[in-house]
Amino acid sequence: MNSVQPSISIVTVVYNGVDLLEGTILSVIQQSYPNIEYLVIDGASTDGTLDIIQKFESKISTWISEPDKGLYDAMNKGIKMATGDFICFMNCGDKLYADDTLSKAVQNMPVETDVIYGEVML
């Protein structure tokens, strides 16, 4: 692996996503890459979403649950809270492809990298 291991802030925004959130969280916390900050931004859900967040609270770096002004407001809250070298948005229901996805993404990354991107699989 490349000697550079940048920190990656993963931000999940959610509102009333009780049926989808656990899969997203699992795909993040099962990553083999060691340098992850995981933030969950909840828009004051009322459907049991908080129960899912609290179930994985020890694996989540930071989470908040408060009313927001919509998706982009929630994303901006995540950006302000993130401390990583890179930010990855994983919306509720999204999943990383495999447990080593982030490790492979940074494996041969030059130090001066500004953007990392990948494909979406539906």
C-alpha atoms as a PDB file:
ATOM      1  CA  MET A   1       0.000   0.000   0.000  1.00  0.00           C
ATOM      2  CA  ASN A   2       1.037   3.569  -0.614  1.00  0.00           C
ATOM      3  CA  SER A   3       2.655   5.107   2.483  1.00  0.00           C
ATOM      4  CA  VAL A   4       0.126   7.943   2.347  1.00  0.00           C
ATOM      5  CA  GLN A   5      -3.030   7.114   4.282  1.00  0.00           C
ATOM      6  CA  PRO A   6      -5.232  10.196   4.078  1.00  0.00           C
ATOM      7  CA  SER A   7      -8.121  10.518   6.467  1.00  0.00           C
ATOM      8  CA  ILE A   8     -11.507  10.060   4.849  1.00  0.00           C
ATOM      9  CA  SER A   9     -14.617  11.628   6.343  1.00  0.00           C
ATOM     10  CA  ILE A  10     -17.713   9.715   5.324  1.00  0.00           C
ATOM     11  CA  VAL A  11     -20.939  11.660   5.768  1.00  0.00           C
ATOM     12  CA  THR A  12     -24.340   9.969   5.744  1.00  0.00           C
ATOM     13  CA  VAL A  13     -27.373  12.235   5.657  1.00  0.00           C
ATOM     14  CA  VAL A  14     -30.685  10.665   6.584  1.00  0.00           C
ATOM     15  CA  TYR A  15     -34.271  11.534   7.361  1.00  0.00           C
ATOM     16  CA  ASN A  16     -36.717   8.774   8.286  1.00  0.00           C
ATOM     17  CA  GLY A  17     -34.523   6.084   6.751  1.00  0.00           C
ATOM     18  CA  VAL A  18     -35.009   3.299   9.279  1.00  0.00           C
ATOM     19  CA  ASP A  19     -35.319   0.611   6.570  1.00  0.00           C
ATOM     20  CA  LEU A  20     -32.126   1.592   4.718  1.00  0.00           C
ATOM     21  CA  LEU A  21     -29.706   3.100   7.214  1.00  0.00           C
ATOM     22  CA  GLU A  22     -28.317  -0.063   8.803  1.00  0.00           C
ATOM     23  CA  GLY A  23     -26.985  -1.378   5.479  1.00  0.00           C
ATOM     24  CA  THR A  24     -25.242   1.925   4.817  1.00  0.00           C
ATOM     25  CA  ILE A  25     -23.678   2.005   8.281  1.00  0.00           C
ATOM     26  CA  LEU A  26     -22.494  -1.599   8.000  1.00  0.00           C
ATOM     27  CA  SER A  27     -20.854  -0.959   4.637  1.00  0.00           C
ATOM     28  CA  VAL A  28     -18.884   1.901   6.189  1.00  0.00           C
ATOM     29  CA  ILE A  29     -17.862   0.365   9.517  1.00  0.00           C
ATOM     30  CA  GLN A  30     -16.758  -2.893   7.867  1.00  0.00           C
ATOM     31  CA  GLN A  31     -14.178  -1.123   5.694  1.00  0.00           C
ATOM     32  CA  SER A  32     -10.636  -2.431   6.084  1.00  0.00           C
ATOM     33  CA  TYR A  33      -9.227   1.073   5.608  1.00  0.00           C
ATOM     34  CA  PRO A  34      -8.156   2.325   9.050  1.00  0.00           C
ATOM     35  CA  ASN A  35      -8.327   6.107   8.687  1.00  0.00           C
ATOM     36  CA  ILE A  36     -12.084   6.804   8.529  1.00  0.00           C
ATOM     37  CA  GLU A  37     -14.134   9.421  10.328  1.00  0.00           C
ATOM     38  CA  TYR A  38     -17.833   8.557  10.096  1.00  0.00           C
ATOM     39  CA  LEU A  39     -20.494  11.237  10.553  1.00  0.00           C
ATOM     40  CA  VAL A  40     -24.252  10.688  10.482  1.00  0.00           C
ATOM     41  CA  ILE A  41     -26.444  13.762  10.023  1.00  0.00           C
ATOM     42  CA  ASP A  42     -30.090  13.053  10.810  1.00  0.00           C
ATOM     43  CA  GLY A  43     -32.871  15.537  10.141  1.00  0.00           C
ATOM     44  CA  ALA A  44     -34.813  14.759  13.361  1.00  0.00           C
ATOM     45  CA  SER A  45     -36.284  11.467  12.148  1.00  0.00           C
ATOM     46  CA  THR A  46     -39.411  10.097  13.814  1.00  0.00           C
ATOM     47  CA  ASP A  47     -39.501   6.555  12.393  1.00  0.00           C
ATOM     48  CA  GLY A  48     -36.924   4.643  14.452  1.00  0.00           C
ATOM     49  CA  THR A  49     -33.865   5.923  12.594  1.00  0.00           C
ATOM     50  CA  LEU A  50     -32.383   7.124  15.889  1.00  0.00           C
ATOM     51  CA  ASP A  51     -32.576   3.588  17.259  1.00  0.00           C
ATOM     52  CA  ILE A  52     -30.387   2.416  14.359  1.00  0.00           C
ATOM     53  CA  ILE A  53     -27.910   5.259  14.905  1.00  0.00           C
ATOM     54  CA  GLN A  54     -27.705   4.516  18.620  1.00  0.00           C
ATOM     55  CA  LYS A  55     -27.233   0.795  17.917  1.00  0.00           C
ATOM     56  CA  PHE A  56     -23.980   1.656  16.099  1.00  0.00           C
ATOM     57  CA  GLU A  57     -23.070   4.735  18.131  1.00  0.00           C
ATOM     58  CA  SER A  58     -19.707   3.295  19.235  1.00  0.00           C
ATOM     59  CA  LYS A  59     -18.674   2.903  15.572  1.00  0.00           C
ATOM     60  CA  ILE A  60     -19.831   6.388  14.493  1.00  0.00           C
ATOM     61  CA  SER A  61     -17.372   9.232  15.086  1.00  0.00           C
ATOM     62  CA  THR A  62     -20.040  11.915  15.394  1.00  0.00           C
ATOM     63  CA  TRP A  63     -23.771  12.081  14.875  1.00  0.00           C
ATOM     64  CA  ILE A  64     -26.465  14.683  15.280  1.00  0.00           C
ATOM     65  CA  SER A  65     -30.219  14.619  15.011  1.00  0.00           C
ATOM     66  CA  GLU A  66     -31.872  17.977  14.545  1.00  0.00           C
ATOM     67  CA  PRO A  67     -34.240  19.667  12.112  1.00  0.00           C
ATOM     68  CA  ASP A  68     -32.630  20.966   8.951  1.00  0.00           C
ATOM     69  CA  LYS A  69     -33.674  22.823   5.822  1.00  0.00           C
ATOM     70  CA  GLY A  70     -33.323  19.823   3.532  1.00  0.00           C
ATOM     71  CA  LEU A  71     -30.712  17.558   2.005  1.00  0.00           C
ATOM     72  CA  TYR A  72     -28.171  20.227   1.103  1.00  0.00           C
ATOM     73  CA  ASP A  73     -28.407  21.884   4.505  1.00  0.00           C
ATOM     74  CA  ALA A  74     -27.697  18.487   6.095  1.00  0.00           C
ATOM     75  CA  MET A  75     -24.771  17.899   3.715  1.00  0.00           C
ATOM     76  CA  ASN A  76     -23.332  21.316   4.565  1.00  0.00           C
ATOM     77  CA  LYS A  77     -23.569  20.478   8.272  1.00  0.00           C
ATOM     78  CA  GLY A  78     -21.532  17.357   7.540  1.00  0.00           C
ATOM     79  CA  ILE A  79     -18.931  19.316   5.600  1.00  0.00           C
ATOM     80  CA  LYS A  80     -18.519  21.749   8.495  1.00  0.00           C
ATOM     81  CA  MET A  81     -18.061  18.888  10.974  1.00  0.00           C
ATOM     82  CA  ALA A  82     -15.705  16.795   8.818  1.00  0.00           C
ATOM     83  CA  THR A  83     -11.991  16.833   9.587  1.00  0.00           C
ATOM     84  CA  GLY A  84     -10.738  14.394   6.939  1.00  0.00           C
ATOM     85  CA  ASP A  85      -8.484  15.021   3.972  1.00  0.00           C
ATOM     86  CA  PHE A  86     -11.328  13.799   1.757  1.00  0.00           C
ATOM     87  CA  ILE A  87     -15.108  13.794   2.163  1.00  0.00           C
ATOM     88  CA  CYS A  88     -17.292  11.002   0.835  1.00  0.00           C
ATOM     89  CA  PHE A  89     -21.080  11.337   0.895  1.00  0.00           C
ATOM     90  CA  MET A  90     -22.894   8.053   1.479  1.00  0.00           C
ATOM     91  CA  ASN A  91     -26.597   8.788   1.462  1.00  0.00           C
ATOM     92  CA  CYS A  92     -28.960   6.570   3.391  1.00  0.00           C
ATOM     93  CA  GLY A  93     -29.366   3.429   1.299  1.00  0.00           C
ATOM     94  CA  ASP A  94     -25.964   3.728  -0.402  1.00  0.00           C
ATOM     95  CA  LYS A  95     -23.341   1.058   0.213  1.00  0.00           C
ATOM     96  CA  LEU A  96     -19.661   0.719  -0.499  1.00  0.00           C
ATOM     97  CA  TYR A  97     -19.111  -2.147  -2.930  1.00  0.00           C
ATOM     98  CA  ALA A  98     -16.762  -4.262  -0.798  1.00  0.00           C
ATOM     99  CA  ASP A  99     -14.967  -4.146   2.542  1.00  0.00           C
ATOM    100  CA  ASP A 100     -11.742  -3.080   0.825  1.00  0.00           C
ATOM    101  CA  THR A 101     -13.198  -0.398  -1.468  1.00  0.00           C
ATOM    102  CA  LEU A 102     -11.546   2.535   0.315  1.00  0.00           C
ATOM    103  CA  SER A 103      -8.233   0.685   0.702  1.00  0.00           C
ATOM    104  CA  LYS A 104      -8.151   0.082  -3.052  1.00  0.00           C
ATOM    105  CA  ALA A 105      -9.155   3.680  -3.782  1.00  0.00           C
ATOM    106  CA  VAL A 106      -6.101   5.102  -2.010  1.00  0.00           C
ATOM    107  CA  GLN A 107      -3.681   2.237  -2.736  1.00  0.00           C
ATOM    108  CA  ASN A 108      -1.627   3.963  -5.441  1.00  0.00           C
ATOM    109  CA  MET A 109      -2.790   7.509  -4.884  1.00  0.00           C
ATOM    110  CA  PRO A 110      -0.172  10.226  -5.454  1.00  0.00           C
ATOM    111  CA  VAL A 111       0.345  12.622  -2.528  1.00  0.00           C
ATOM    112  CA  GLU A 112      -0.973  15.603  -4.512  1.00  0.00           C
ATOM    113  CA  THR A 113      -4.381  14.010  -5.213  1.00  0.00           C
ATOM    114  CA  ASP A 114      -7.352  16.378  -4.873  1.00  0.00           C
ATOM    115  CA  VAL A 115     -10.242  14.167  -5.994  1.00  0.00           C
ATOM    116  CA  ILE A 116     -10.960  10.460  -5.861  1.00  0.00           C
ATOM    117  CA  TYR A 117     -13.902   9.116  -7.838  1.00  0.00           C
ATOM    118  CA  GLY A 118     -15.394   5.795  -8.686  1.00  0.00           C
ATOM    119  CA  GLU A 119     -18.215   4.123 -10.502  1.00  0.00           C
ATOM    120  CA  VAL A 120     -21.762   3.604  -9.294  1.00  0.00           C
ATOM    121  CA  MET A 121     -23.321   0.166  -9.469  1.00  0.00           C
ATOM    122  CA  LEU A 122     -27.102  -0.022  -9.517  1.00  0.00           C
END
